[in-house]
C-alpha cells in the first residue's frame, strides 16, 4: 500500500471510515490489504457508472472551480490548497441537510447564517 494512501486514511481517522468506494484506478489494486488493516470494506462501482459515486463526482466538479481541468494542483502553494479545502469543507450541502462537511465530521454546529 502506498504511503499516500496510508497518510490519507490516518488523516481521516480510522473510526470515521465505514466503507470505501474508490474509482477503478490501479492505486487500489491492493484493496484487500487495506480491508485487512483497517477492517473497512471496499465497494467498487461498475465501469463508466459515475452516478454510483455521485458525491465524489460532484466534489470533482467543485474542485474545477478553483483548478480548471489540465491545471495541476502542484502549481498551487500549500496555503492555496488549504484555502480551497476550507471553502469546500465549510460549504453547506443539500445531501447533508444543509450542514457543512466540517459540521458532520466533527459533530459541531456552525452558525453560518
PDB file of N, CA and C in Angstrom:
ATOM      1  N   UNK A   1       0.847  -1.168   0.000  1.00  0.00           N
ATOM      2  CA  UNK A   1       0.000   0.000   0.000  1.00  0.00           C
ATOM      3  C   UNK A   1       0.899   1.239   0.000  1.00  0.00           C
ATOM      4  N   UNK A   2       0.503   2.242  -0.754  1.00  0.00           N
ATOM      5  CA  UNK A   2       1.345   3.424  -0.866  1.00  0.00           C
ATOM      6  C   UNK A   2       1.290   4.257   0.409  1.00  0.00           C
ATOM      7  N   UNK A   3       2.348   5.005   0.630  1.00  0.00           N
ATOM      8  CA  UNK A   3       2.378   5.868   1.804  1.00  0.00           C
ATOM      9  C   UNK A   3       1.332   6.980   1.688  1.00  0.00           C
ATOM     10  N   UNK A   4       1.008   7.393   0.455  1.00  0.00           N
ATOM     11  CA  UNK A   4      -0.008   8.423   0.265  1.00  0.00           C
ATOM     12  C   UNK A   4      -1.372   7.932   0.746  1.00  0.00           C
ATOM     13  N   UNK A   5      -1.716   6.681   0.417  1.00  0.00           N
ATOM     14  CA  UNK A   5      -2.992   6.129   0.863  1.00  0.00           C
ATOM     15  C   UNK A   5      -3.030   6.001   2.377  1.00  0.00           C
ATOM     16  N   UNK A   6      -1.957   5.521   2.962  1.00  0.00           N
ATOM     17  CA  UNK A   6      -1.925   5.394   4.416  1.00  0.00           C
ATOM     18  C   UNK A   6      -2.054   6.755   5.080  1.00  0.00           C
ATOM     19  N   UNK A   7      -1.380   7.758   4.535  1.00  0.00           N
ATOM     20  CA  UNK A   7      -1.472   9.107   5.095  1.00  0.00           C
ATOM     21  C   UNK A   7      -2.906   9.623   5.016  1.00  0.00           C
ATOM     22  N   UNK A   8      -3.584   9.332   3.901  1.00  0.00           N
ATOM     23  CA  UNK A   8      -4.967   9.772   3.743  1.00  0.00           C
ATOM     24  C   UNK A   8      -5.859   9.109   4.790  1.00  0.00           C
ATOM     25  N   UNK A   9      -5.724   7.802   4.985  1.00  0.00           N
ATOM     26  CA  UNK A   9      -6.552   7.101   5.949  1.00  0.00           C
ATOM     27  C   UNK A   9      -6.246   7.545   7.376  1.00  0.00           C
ATOM     28  N   UNK A  10      -4.984   7.822   7.670  1.00  0.00           N
ATOM     29  CA  UNK A  10      -4.623   8.303   9.005  1.00  0.00           C
ATOM     30  C   UNK A  10      -5.212   9.687   9.253  1.00  0.00           C
ATOM     31  N   UNK A  11      -5.218  10.524   8.232  1.00  0.00           N
ATOM     32  CA  UNK A  11      -5.776  11.879   8.353  1.00  0.00           C
ATOM     33  C   UNK A  11      -7.287  11.825   8.593  1.00  0.00           C
ATOM     34  N   UNK A  12      -7.970  10.941   7.891  1.00  0.00           N
ATOM     35  CA  UNK A  12      -9.425  10.812   8.045  1.00  0.00           C
ATOM     36  C   UNK A  12      -9.762  10.283   9.432  1.00  0.00           C
ATOM     37  N   UNK A  13      -9.006   9.334   9.892  1.00  0.00           N
ATOM     38  CA  UNK A  13      -9.296   8.716  11.178  1.00  0.00           C
ATOM     39  C   UNK A  13     -10.032   7.407  10.975  1.00  0.00           C
ATOM     40  N   UNK A  14      -9.452   6.342  11.440  1.00  0.00           N
ATOM     41  CA  UNK A  14      -9.996   5.004  11.221  1.00  0.00           C
ATOM     42  C   UNK A  14     -11.432   4.883  11.740  1.00  0.00           C
ATOM     43  N   UNK A  15     -11.730   5.526  12.847  1.00  0.00           N
ATOM     44  CA  UNK A  15     -13.070   5.388  13.432  1.00  0.00           C
ATOM     45  C   UNK A  15     -14.145   6.043  12.571  1.00  0.00           C
ATOM     46  N   UNK A  16     -13.782   6.955  11.680  1.00  0.00           N
ATOM     47  CA  UNK A  16     -14.759   7.642  10.837  1.00  0.00           C
ATOM     48  C   UNK A  16     -15.073   6.858   9.563  1.00  0.00           C
ATOM     49  N   UNK A  17     -14.212   5.913   9.196  1.00  0.00           N
ATOM     50  CA  UNK A  17     -14.413   5.166   7.962  1.00  0.00           C
ATOM     51  C   UNK A  17     -15.435   4.058   8.153  1.00  0.00           C
ATOM     52  N   UNK A  18     -16.428   4.017   7.296  1.00  0.00           N
ATOM     53  CA  UNK A  18     -17.427   2.945   7.310  1.00  0.00           C
ATOM     54  C   UNK A  18     -17.243   2.030   6.105  1.00  0.00           C
ATOM     55  N   UNK A  19     -17.072   2.636   4.931  1.00  0.00           N
ATOM     56  CA  UNK A  19     -16.812   1.916   3.689  1.00  0.00           C
ATOM     57  C   UNK A  19     -15.916   2.788   2.827  1.00  0.00           C
ATOM     58  N   UNK A  20     -15.343   2.184   1.806  1.00  0.00           N
ATOM     59  CA  UNK A  20     -14.529   2.913   0.830  1.00  0.00           C
ATOM     60  C   UNK A  20     -15.052   2.562  -0.550  1.00  0.00           C
ATOM     61  N   UNK A  21     -15.359   3.586  -1.340  1.00  0.00           N
ATOM     62  CA  UNK A  21     -15.807   3.378  -2.718  1.00  0.00           C
ATOM     63  C   UNK A  21     -14.863   4.156  -3.624  1.00  0.00           C
ATOM     64  N   UNK A  22     -13.758   3.533  -4.029  1.00  0.00           N
ATOM     65  CA  UNK A  22     -12.783   4.223  -4.865  1.00  0.00           C
ATOM     66  C   UNK A  22     -13.175   4.168  -6.340  1.00  0.00           C
ATOM     67  N   UNK A  23     -12.411   4.895  -7.144  1.00  0.00           N
ATOM     68  CA  UNK A  23     -12.593   4.701  -8.578  1.00  0.00           C
ATOM     69  C   UNK A  23     -11.902   3.384  -8.930  1.00  0.00           C
ATOM     70  N   UNK A  24     -11.799   3.092 -10.178  1.00  0.00           N
ATOM     71  CA  UNK A  24     -11.264   1.791 -10.572  1.00  0.00           C
ATOM     72  C   UNK A  24      -9.777   1.859 -10.930  1.00  0.00           C
ATOM     73  N   UNK A  25      -9.076   2.822 -10.336  1.00  0.00           N
ATOM     74  CA  UNK A  25      -7.660   3.011 -10.636  1.00  0.00           C
ATOM     75  C   UNK A  25      -6.775   1.934 -10.030  1.00  0.00           C
ATOM     76  N   UNK A  26      -5.585   1.803 -10.601  1.00  0.00           N
ATOM     77  CA  UNK A  26      -4.652   0.759 -10.161  1.00  0.00           C
ATOM     78  C   UNK A  26      -4.113   1.001  -8.760  1.00  0.00           C
ATOM     79  N   UNK A  27      -4.245   2.230  -8.239  1.00  0.00           N
ATOM     80  CA  UNK A  27      -3.740   2.505  -6.896  1.00  0.00           C
ATOM     81  C   UNK A  27      -4.509   1.743  -5.816  1.00  0.00           C
ATOM     82  N   UNK A  28      -5.657   1.183  -6.172  1.00  0.00           N
ATOM     83  CA  UNK A  28      -6.430   0.403  -5.211  1.00  0.00           C
ATOM     84  C   UNK A  28      -6.370  -1.096  -5.513  1.00  0.00           C
ATOM     85  N   UNK A  29      -5.370  -1.526  -6.267  1.00  0.00           N
ATOM     86  CA  UNK A  29      -5.256  -2.945  -6.611  1.00  0.00           C
ATOM     87  C   UNK A  29      -5.006  -3.813  -5.380  1.00  0.00           C
ATOM     88  N   UNK A  30      -4.481  -3.231  -4.324  1.00  0.00           N
ATOM     89  CA  UNK A  30      -4.221  -3.990  -3.098  1.00  0.00           C
ATOM     90  C   UNK A  30      -5.274  -3.662  -2.035  1.00  0.00           C
ATOM     91  N   UNK A  31      -6.508  -3.489  -2.487  1.00  0.00           N
ATOM     92  CA  UNK A  31      -7.585  -3.120  -1.573  1.00  0.00           C
ATOM     93  C   UNK A  31      -7.782  -4.144  -0.464  1.00  0.00           C
ATOM     94  N   UNK A  32      -7.465  -5.393  -0.728  1.00  0.00           N
ATOM     95  CA  UNK A  32      -7.595  -6.436   0.295  1.00  0.00           C
ATOM     96  C   UNK A  32      -6.722  -6.160   1.507  1.00  0.00           C
ATOM     97  N   UNK A  33      -5.520  -5.639   1.261  1.00  0.00           N
ATOM     98  CA  UNK A  33      -4.611  -5.316   2.366  1.00  0.00           C
ATOM     99  C   UNK A  33      -5.182  -4.185   3.217  1.00  0.00           C
ATOM    100  N   UNK A  34      -5.800  -3.209   2.554  1.00  0.00           N
ATOM    101  CA  UNK A  34      -6.390  -2.085   3.287  1.00  0.00           C
ATOM    102  C   UNK A  34      -7.564  -2.580   4.125  1.00  0.00           C
ATOM    103  N   UNK A  35      -8.382  -3.448   3.541  1.00  0.00           N
ATOM    104  CA  UNK A  35      -9.510  -4.013   4.275  1.00  0.00           C
ATOM    105  C   UNK A  35      -9.016  -4.793   5.492  1.00  0.00           C
ATOM    106  N   UNK A  36      -7.979  -5.595   5.310  1.00  0.00           N
ATOM    107  CA  UNK A  36      -7.426  -6.353   6.438  1.00  0.00           C
ATOM    108  C   UNK A  36      -6.865  -5.430   7.513  1.00  0.00           C
ATOM    109  N   UNK A  37      -6.185  -4.378   7.099  1.00  0.00           N
ATOM    110  CA  UNK A  37      -5.549  -3.458   8.036  1.00  0.00           C
ATOM    111  C   UNK A  37      -6.563  -2.608   8.789  1.00  0.00           C
ATOM    112  N   UNK A  38      -7.547  -2.082   8.076  1.00  0.00           N
ATOM    113  CA  UNK A  38      -8.499  -1.144   8.676  1.00  0.00           C
ATOM    114  C   UNK A  38      -9.842  -1.768   9.025  1.00  0.00           C
ATOM    115  N   UNK A  39     -10.132  -2.938   8.466  1.00  0.00           N
ATOM    116  CA  UNK A  39     -11.422  -3.571   8.710  1.00  0.00           C
ATOM    117  C   UNK A  39     -12.570  -2.822   8.053  1.00  0.00           C
ATOM    118  N   UNK A  40     -12.282  -2.159   6.938  1.00  0.00           N
ATOM    119  CA  UNK A  40     -13.293  -1.368   6.223  1.00  0.00           C
ATOM    120  C   UNK A  40     -13.501  -1.978   4.845  1.00  0.00           C
ATOM    121  N   UNK A  41     -14.745  -2.354   4.508  1.00  0.00           N
ATOM    122  CA  UNK A  41     -14.982  -2.985   3.207  1.00  0.00           C
ATOM    123  C   UNK A  41     -14.908  -1.999   2.048  1.00  0.00           C
ATOM    124  N   UNK A  42     -14.484  -2.503   0.911  1.00  0.00           N
ATOM    125  CA  UNK A  42     -14.431  -1.741  -0.333  1.00  0.00           C
ATOM    126  C   UNK A  42     -15.624  -2.097  -1.199  1.00  0.00           C
ATOM    127  N   UNK A  43     -16.170  -1.121  -1.883  1.00  0.00           N
ATOM    128  CA  UNK A  43     -17.218  -1.330  -2.875  1.00  0.00           C
ATOM    129  C   UNK A  43     -16.770  -0.646  -4.151  1.00  0.00           C
ATOM    130  N   UNK A  44     -16.658  -1.409  -5.217  1.00  0.00           N
ATOM    131  CA  UNK A  44     -16.215  -0.842  -6.484  1.00  0.00           C
ATOM    132  C   UNK A  44     -17.408  -0.553  -7.376  1.00  0.00           C
ATOM    133  N   UNK A  45     -17.465   0.648  -7.948  1.00  0.00           N
ATOM    134  CA  UNK A  45     -18.565   0.966  -8.862  1.00  0.00           C
ATOM    135  C   UNK A  45     -18.384   0.222 -10.183  1.00  0.00           C
ATOM    136  N   UNK A  46     -19.472   0.082 -10.908  1.00  0.00           N
ATOM    137  CA  UNK A  46     -19.385  -0.504 -12.236  1.00  0.00           C
ATOM    138  C   UNK A  46     -18.618   0.436 -13.161  1.00  0.00           C
ATOM    139  N   UNK A  47     -17.937  -0.107 -14.180  1.00  0.00           N
ATOM    140  CA  UNK A  47     -17.220   0.757 -15.119  1.00  0.00           C
ATOM    141  C   UNK A  47     -18.170   1.759 -15.781  1.00  0.00           C
ATOM    142  N   UNK A  48     -17.716   2.967 -15.910  1.00  0.00           N
ATOM    143  CA  UNK A  48     -18.456   4.045 -16.589  1.00  0.00           C
ATOM    144  C   UNK A  48     -19.799   4.343 -15.929  1.00  0.00           C
ATOM    145  N   UNK A  49     -19.904   4.112 -14.623  1.00  0.00           N
ATOM    146  CA  UNK A  49     -21.145   4.381 -13.893  1.00  0.00           C
ATOM    147  C   UNK A  49     -20.879   5.476 -12.859  1.00  0.00           C
ATOM    148  N   UNK A  50     -20.632   6.683 -13.341  1.00  0.00           N
ATOM    149  CA  UNK A  50     -20.252   7.777 -12.448  1.00  0.00           C
ATOM    150  C   UNK A  50     -21.336   8.096 -11.426  1.00  0.00           C
ATOM    151  N   UNK A  51     -22.593   7.798 -11.743  1.00  0.00           N
ATOM    152  CA  UNK A  51     -23.676   8.088 -10.805  1.00  0.00           C
ATOM    153  C   UNK A  51     -23.582   7.250  -9.534  1.00  0.00           C
ATOM    154  N   UNK A  52     -22.796   6.175  -9.563  1.00  0.00           N
ATOM    155  CA  UNK A  52     -22.630   5.343  -8.375  1.00  0.00           C
ATOM    156  C   UNK A  52     -21.668   5.987  -7.370  1.00  0.00           C
ATOM    157  N   UNK A  53     -21.041   7.061  -7.779  1.00  0.00           N
ATOM    158  CA  UNK A  53     -20.132   7.795  -6.900  1.00  0.00           C
ATOM    159  C   UNK A  53     -20.460   9.281  -6.996  1.00  0.00           C
ATOM    160  N   UNK A  54     -21.713   9.610  -6.786  1.00  0.00           N
ATOM    161  CA  UNK A  54     -22.201  10.964  -7.006  1.00  0.00           C
ATOM    162  C   UNK A  54     -21.494  12.036  -6.213  1.00  0.00           C
ATOM    163  N   UNK A  55     -21.264  11.813  -4.923  1.00  0.00           N
ATOM    164  CA  UNK A  55     -20.610  12.833  -4.095  1.00  0.00           C
ATOM    165  C   UNK A  55     -19.195  13.104  -4.586  1.00  0.00           C
ATOM    166  N   UNK A  56     -18.503  12.044  -4.987  1.00  0.00           N
ATOM    167  CA  UNK A  56     -17.144  12.215  -5.496  1.00  0.00           C
ATOM    168  C   UNK A  56     -17.140  13.026  -6.779  1.00  0.00           C
ATOM    169  N   UNK A  57     -18.039  12.688  -7.697  1.00  0.00           N
ATOM    170  CA  UNK A  57     -18.091  13.411  -8.974  1.00  0.00           C
ATOM    171  C   UNK A  57     -18.492  14.868  -8.758  1.00  0.00           C
ATOM    172  N   UNK A  58     -19.412  15.100  -7.821  1.00  0.00           N
ATOM    173  CA  UNK A  58     -19.812  16.469  -7.511  1.00  0.00           C
ATOM    174  C   UNK A  58     -18.633  17.258  -6.953  1.00  0.00           C
ATOM    175  N   UNK A  59     -17.883  16.653  -6.055  1.00  0.00           N
ATOM    176  CA  UNK A  59     -16.730  17.338  -5.461  1.00  0.00           C
ATOM    177  C   UNK A  59     -15.662  17.610  -6.513  1.00  0.00           C
ATOM    178  N   UNK A  60     -15.455  16.668  -7.435  1.00  0.00           N
ATOM    179  CA  UNK A  60     -14.512  16.925  -8.530  1.00  0.00           C
ATOM    180  C   UNK A  60     -14.927  18.157  -9.319  1.00  0.00           C
ATOM    181  N   UNK A  61     -16.227  18.298  -9.566  1.00  0.00           N
ATOM    182  CA  UNK A  61     -16.728  19.471 -10.276  1.00  0.00           C
ATOM    183  C   UNK A  61     -16.489  20.747  -9.489  1.00  0.00           C
ATOM    184  N   UNK A  62     -16.685  20.690  -8.179  1.00  0.00           N
ATOM    185  CA  UNK A  62     -16.433  21.868  -7.349  1.00  0.00           C
ATOM    186  C   UNK A  62     -14.950  22.233  -7.350  1.00  0.00           C
ATOM    187  N   UNK A  63     -14.092  21.223  -7.349  1.00  0.00           N
ATOM    188  CA  UNK A  63     -12.644  21.490  -7.402  1.00  0.00           C
ATOM    189  C   UNK A  63     -12.256  22.221  -8.687  1.00  0.00           C
ATOM    190  N   UNK A  64     -12.973  21.908  -9.770  1.00  0.00           N
ATOM    191  CA  UNK A  64     -12.683  22.545 -11.057  1.00  0.00           C
ATOM    192  C   UNK A  64     -12.961  24.047 -11.028  1.00  0.00           C
ATOM    193  N   UNK A  65     -13.757  24.522 -10.067  1.00  0.00           N
ATOM    194  CA  UNK A  65     -13.967  25.963  -9.917  1.00  0.00           C
ATOM    195  C   UNK A  65     -12.671  26.656  -9.519  1.00  0.00           C
ATOM    196  N   UNK A  66     -11.810  25.928  -8.823  1.00  0.00           N
ATOM    197  CA  UNK A  66     -10.569  26.501  -8.314  1.00  0.00           C
ATOM    198  C   UNK A  66      -9.344  26.079  -9.118  1.00  0.00           C
ATOM    199  N   UNK A  67      -9.446  24.975  -9.822  1.00  0.00           N
ATOM    200  CA  UNK A  67      -8.329  24.464 -10.608  1.00  0.00           C
ATOM    201  C   UNK A  67      -8.892  23.821 -11.874  1.00  0.00           C
ATOM    202  N   UNK A  68      -8.953  24.594 -12.962  1.00  0.00           N
ATOM    203  CA  UNK A  68      -9.536  24.063 -14.204  1.00  0.00           C
ATOM    204  C   UNK A  68      -8.841  22.790 -14.675  1.00  0.00           C
ATOM    205  N   UNK A  69      -9.571  21.979 -15.420  1.00  0.00           N
ATOM    206  CA  UNK A  69      -9.035  20.724 -15.941  1.00  0.00           C
ATOM    207  C   UNK A  69      -7.744  21.004 -16.705  1.00  0.00           C
ATOM    208  N   UNK A  70      -6.744  20.205 -16.456  1.00  0.00           N
ATOM    209  CA  UNK A  70      -5.451  20.380 -17.103  1.00  0.00           C
ATOM    210  C   UNK A  70      -4.470  21.171 -16.253  1.00  0.00           C
ATOM    211  N   UNK A  71      -4.979  21.911 -15.277  1.00  0.00           N
ATOM    212  CA  UNK A  71      -4.107  22.671 -14.384  1.00  0.00           C
ATOM    213  C   UNK A  71      -3.814  21.812 -13.153  1.00  0.00           C
ATOM    214  N   UNK A  72      -2.567  21.645 -12.843  1.00  0.00           N
ATOM    215  CA  UNK A  72      -2.170  20.790 -11.735  1.00  0.00           C
ATOM    216  C   UNK A  72      -2.243  21.541 -10.414  1.00  0.00           C
ATOM    217  N   UNK A  73      -2.681  20.842  -9.369  1.00  0.00           N
ATOM    218  CA  UNK A  73      -2.651  21.441  -8.038  1.00  0.00           C
ATOM    219  C   UNK A  73      -1.214  21.606  -7.545  1.00  0.00           C
ATOM    220  N   UNK A  74      -0.264  20.938  -8.212  1.00  0.00           N
ATOM    221  CA  UNK A  74       1.145  21.090  -7.851  1.00  0.00           C
ATOM    222  C   UNK A  74       1.616  22.524  -8.049  1.00  0.00           C
ATOM    223  N   UNK A  75       0.910  23.264  -8.898  1.00  0.00           N
ATOM    224  CA  UNK A  75       1.284  24.654  -9.167  1.00  0.00           C
ATOM    225  C   UNK A  75       0.827  25.591  -8.055  1.00  0.00           C
ATOM    226  N   UNK A  76       0.005  25.105  -7.153  1.00  0.00           N
ATOM    227  CA  UNK A  76      -0.519  25.925  -6.061  1.00  0.00           C
ATOM    228  C   UNK A  76       0.312  25.706  -4.802  1.00  0.00           C
ATOM    229  N   UNK A  77       0.373  26.738  -3.971  1.00  0.00           N
ATOM    230  CA  UNK A  77       1.090  26.625  -2.700  1.00  0.00           C
ATOM    231  C   UNK A  77       0.227  25.828  -1.722  1.00  0.00           C
ATOM    232  N   UNK A  78       0.841  25.351  -0.653  1.00  0.00           N
ATOM    233  CA  UNK A  78       0.090  24.633   0.377  1.00  0.00           C
ATOM    234  C   UNK A  78      -1.017  25.508   0.957  1.00  0.00           C
ATOM    235  N   UNK A  79      -0.751  26.795   1.131  1.00  0.00           N
ATOM    236  CA  UNK A  79      -1.764  27.711   1.660  1.00  0.00           C
ATOM    237  C   UNK A  79      -2.939  27.845   0.697  1.00  0.00           C
ATOM    238  N   UNK A  80      -2.655  27.895  -0.604  1.00  0.00           N
ATOM    239  CA  UNK A  80      -3.727  27.991  -1.598  1.00  0.00           C
ATOM    240  C   UNK A  80      -4.581  26.719  -1.605  1.00  0.00           C
ATOM    241  N   UNK A  81      -3.942  25.567  -1.508  1.00  0.00           N
ATOM    242  CA  UNK A  81      -4.681  24.295  -1.465  1.00  0.00           C
ATOM    243  C   UNK A  81      -5.525  24.242  -0.197  1.00  0.00           C
ATOM    244  N   UNK A  82      -4.961  24.658   0.943  1.00  0.00           N
ATOM    245  CA  UNK A  82      -5.718  24.649   2.194  1.00  0.00           C
ATOM    246  C   UNK A  82      -6.920  25.583   2.116  1.00  0.00           C
ATOM    247  N   UNK A  83      -6.785  26.713   1.439  1.00  0.00           N
ATOM    248  CA  UNK A  83      -7.907  27.637   1.267  1.00  0.00           C
ATOM    249  C   UNK A  83      -9.041  26.976   0.475  1.00  0.00           C
ATOM    250  N   UNK A  84      -8.682  26.229  -0.568  1.00  0.00           N
ATOM    251  CA  UNK A  84      -9.681  25.502  -1.361  1.00  0.00           C
ATOM    252  C   UNK A  84     -10.369  24.440  -0.498  1.00  0.00           C
ATOM    253  N   UNK A  85      -9.578  23.683   0.256  1.00  0.00           N
ATOM    254  CA  UNK A  85     -10.121  22.648   1.135  1.00  0.00           C
ATOM    255  C   UNK A  85     -11.104  23.270   2.132  1.00  0.00           C
ATOM    256  N   UNK A  86     -10.713  24.397   2.731  1.00  0.00           N
ATOM    257  CA  UNK A  86     -11.585  25.057   3.704  1.00  0.00           C
ATOM    258  C   UNK A  86     -12.880  25.534   3.062  1.00  0.00           C
ATOM    259  N   UNK A  87     -12.795  26.090   1.875  1.00  0.00           N
ATOM    260  CA  UNK A  87     -14.008  26.552   1.184  1.00  0.00           C
ATOM    261  C   UNK A  87     -14.970  25.395   0.925  1.00  0.00           C
ATOM    262  N   UNK A  88     -14.438  24.242   0.538  1.00  0.00           N
ATOM    263  CA  UNK A  88     -15.291  23.088   0.271  1.00  0.00           C
ATOM    264  C   UNK A  88     -15.845  22.467   1.559  1.00  0.00           C
ATOM    265  N   UNK A  89     -15.023  22.416   2.599  1.00  0.00           N
ATOM    266  CA  UNK A  89     -15.459  21.793   3.847  1.00  0.00           C
ATOM    267  C   UNK A  89     -16.422  22.656   4.661  1.00  0.00           C
ATOM    268  N   UNK A  90     -16.451  23.952   4.374  1.00  0.00           N
ATOM    269  CA  UNK A  90     -17.364  24.841   5.093  1.00  0.00           C
ATOM    270  C   UNK A  90     -18.525  25.285   4.202  1.00  0.00           C
ATOM    271  N   UNK A  91     -18.755  24.563   3.130  1.00  0.00           N
ATOM    272  CA  UNK A  91     -19.847  24.855   2.204  1.00  0.00           C
ATOM    273  C   UNK A  91     -21.029  23.936   2.521  1.00  0.00           C
ATOM    274  N   UNK A  92     -22.196  24.498   2.880  1.00  0.00           N
ATOM    275  CA  UNK A  92     -23.353  23.645   3.179  1.00  0.00           C
ATOM    276  C   UNK A  92     -23.751  22.805   1.968  1.00  0.00           C
ATOM    277  N   UNK A  93     -24.210  21.585   2.248  1.00  0.00           N
ATOM    278  CA  UNK A  93     -24.610  20.670   1.172  1.00  0.00           C
ATOM    279  C   UNK A  93     -26.020  20.156   1.426  1.00  0.00           C
ATOM    280  N   UNK A  94     -26.791  20.104   0.373  1.00  0.00           N
ATOM    281  CA  UNK A  94     -28.161  19.611   0.472  1.00  0.00           C
ATOM    282  C   UNK A  94     -28.196  18.181   1.000  1.00  0.00           C
ATOM    283  N   UNK A  95     -27.267  17.318   0.518  1.00  0.00           N
ATOM    284  CA  UNK A  95     -27.261  15.915   0.931  1.00  0.00           C
ATOM    285  C   UNK A  95     -26.921  15.748   2.407  1.00  0.00           C
ATOM    286  N   UNK A  96     -26.427  16.804   3.042  1.00  0.00           N
ATOM    287  CA  UNK A  96     -26.112  16.773   4.469  1.00  0.00           C
ATOM    288  C   UNK A  96     -27.126  17.597   5.263  1.00  0.00           C
ATOM    289  N   UNK A  97     -28.320  17.764   4.679  1.00  0.00           N
ATOM    290  CA  UNK A  97     -29.379  18.549   5.297  1.00  0.00           C
ATOM    291  C   UNK A  97     -28.903  19.977   5.554  1.00  0.00           C
ATOM    292  N   UNK A  98     -28.185  20.511   4.600  1.00  0.00           N
ATOM    293  CA  UNK A  98     -27.661  21.879   4.587  1.00  0.00           C
ATOM    294  C   UNK A  98     -26.626  22.136   5.670  1.00  0.00           C
ATOM    295  N   UNK A  99     -26.036  21.054   6.173  1.00  0.00           N
ATOM    296  CA  UNK A  99     -24.892  21.216   7.075  1.00  0.00           C
ATOM    297  C   UNK A  99     -23.627  21.159   6.234  1.00  0.00           C
ATOM    298  N   UNK A 100     -22.530  21.567   6.815  1.00  0.00           N
ATOM    299  CA  UNK A 100     -21.255  21.506   6.111  1.00  0.00           C
ATOM    300  C   UNK A 100     -20.578  20.169   6.401  1.00  0.00           C
ATOM    301  N   UNK A 101     -19.676  19.721   5.523  1.00  0.00           N
ATOM    302  CA  UNK A 101     -18.911  18.509   5.839  1.00  0.00           C
ATOM    303  C   UNK A 101     -18.162  18.633   7.171  1.00  0.00           C
ATOM    304  N   UNK A 102     -17.681  19.826   7.469  1.00  0.00           N
ATOM    305  CA  UNK A 102     -16.987  20.066   8.742  1.00  0.00           C
ATOM    306  C   UNK A 102     -17.913  19.761   9.919  1.00  0.00           C
ATOM    307  N   UNK A 103     -19.141  20.277   9.859  1.00  0.00           N
ATOM    308  CA  UNK A 103     -20.098  20.062  10.940  1.00  0.00           C
ATOM    309  C   UNK A 103     -20.406  18.577  11.125  1.00  0.00           C
ATOM    310  N   UNK A 104     -20.602  17.864  10.032  1.00  0.00           N
ATOM    311  CA  UNK A 104     -20.941  16.446  10.106  1.00  0.00           C
ATOM    312  C   UNK A 104     -19.767  15.645  10.654  1.00  0.00           C
ATOM    313  N   UNK A 105     -18.581  15.900  10.149  1.00  0.00           N
ATOM    314  CA  UNK A 105     -17.410  15.122  10.546  1.00  0.00           C
ATOM    315  C   UNK A 105     -17.052  15.349  12.013  1.00  0.00           C
ATOM    316  N   UNK A 106     -17.067  16.620  12.437  1.00  0.00           N
ATOM    317  CA  UNK A 106     -16.635  16.940  13.794  1.00  0.00           C
ATOM    318  C   UNK A 106     -17.794  17.032  14.797  1.00  0.00           C
ATOM    319  N   UNK A 107     -19.037  16.913  14.313  1.00  0.00           N
ATOM    320  CA  UNK A 107     -20.184  16.967  15.212  1.00  0.00           C
ATOM    321  C   UNK A 107     -20.382  18.325  15.851  1.00  0.00           C
ATOM    322  N   UNK A 108     -19.992  19.386  15.151  1.00  0.00           N
ATOM    323  CA  UNK A 108     -20.124  20.741  15.668  1.00  0.00           C
ATOM    324  C   UNK A 108     -21.142  21.501  14.831  1.00  0.00           C
ATOM    325  N   UNK A 109     -21.798  22.456  15.453  1.00  0.00           N
ATOM    326  CA  UNK A 109     -22.749  23.270  14.743  1.00  0.00           C
ATOM    327  C   UNK A 109     -22.131  24.632  14.466  1.00  0.00           C
ATOM    328  N   UNK A 110     -22.096  25.005  13.200  1.00  0.00           N
ATOM    329  CA  UNK A 110     -21.619  26.320  12.805  1.00  0.00           C
ATOM    330  C   UNK A 110     -22.833  27.160  12.465  1.00  0.00           C
ATOM    331  N   UNK A 111     -22.890  28.324  12.949  1.00  0.00           N
ATOM    332  CA  UNK A 111     -23.996  29.222  12.627  1.00  0.00           C
ATOM    333  C   UNK A 111     -23.534  30.124  11.486  1.00  0.00           C
ATOM    334  N   UNK A 112     -23.699  29.619  10.262  1.00  0.00           N
ATOM    335  CA  UNK A 112     -23.204  30.348   9.093  1.00  0.00           C
ATOM    336  C   UNK A 112     -24.177  31.418   8.613  1.00  0.00           C
ATOM    337  N   UNK A 113     -25.438  31.326   9.041  1.00  0.00           N
ATOM    338  CA  UNK A 113     -26.412  32.320   8.608  1.00  0.00           C
ATOM    339  C   UNK A 113     -26.994  33.055   9.792  1.00  0.00           C
TER     340      UNK A 113
END
